[in-house]
């Protein structure tokens, strides 16, 4: 689900040899993920209520495959951006609908199945960043970006098998309940949880390799490996947190505090450390998005019906990714204005 998120930033230096990528363009591509995910929240409700979740996911998988192909064939930065947005819009709709799929097929195994699919999400993000440079060295940056389309195509197989179950989803009954989402403290709390983890995650995916290259003087390969370390540390949380969240509600707040503390510790460590200990601080930063599997699990735990899961998921993810888009963009603006990273990291 997330190969397009981590596979671009390690390849910037390779792409710049063929396509002009000024810092503003890199910044726009950096915000493509949260921007697309925010837009996706406005696109998921209509098709699911007309053709059902499974058929909507088939369409989004085809969109992702087409996006990967366009990224590989890009002739300028505009084509690269459009291809990236196609991939990420499809992935964003998947973000919204996966909790609905879990509730539909596994209502009594929310923790277990959430752990499974969130783990695959973490693995795909890590694979995208870790393998980006080796694949580019093997067959060029176009091959590195394009081959992920094959993985996206494989997701079509189970979805096609389930297409007969694709019945239109029911909307929330009544305008009052739609508006109630905006007044719900629970919905806002879930937004806050996912908002913080999204900022940690997407600022890092967009800017961490460039920060490490410029501020910590690592090589391109090292920057890609460190981004992969950041991404793979989401896997333990994906395996453990959903189950804990289901069984022990009193652990929700400690998980949030731990995640926030580790993210801030990692950012400050990267700012102050030398190259020898850099991996320690990147690892700490990688524990910052621990709240992500908690947020996705809460969509099901705090909702009684599938229609409510869809509504709360759209609200929480839409708000959090909109906020993240703004912050990721501002990080690039402050980096361009100041010419460095110290002030930017202290600001955020």
Foldseek 3Di string as FASTA:
>chain_A
DALLLQQPPLCVVQVCVQEPQPLLLLLLLLLLQLVLLLVLLVVQQVVCQPQNDLVLLLVLLVQLLQLLLQCLVPNYSVSVSVSSSSNNNSVSSVLLCPLLVCCVPPVPPLLQVQLVVLLVVLVSNLCSLLCNVVQCVVPRNSRSSNVCSVVSVVVNVVSVVCSVVGDRDDADPDPVVLVVCVVDPLLVVLLVLLLQLLLLPSLCSSPQLVQCCPQAVDDSNVSSNLSSLLSNLLNVLSNPVSVCVVPPVVCLVVLQVQLCVLLLQLLVCCNPDHPVCNSVSSNSSSSNSSSVSVSSSVLSVVDDDSNSSSSSSSSSSSSSSVVSSVLSSVLSVVCVVVVHRPVSSVVD
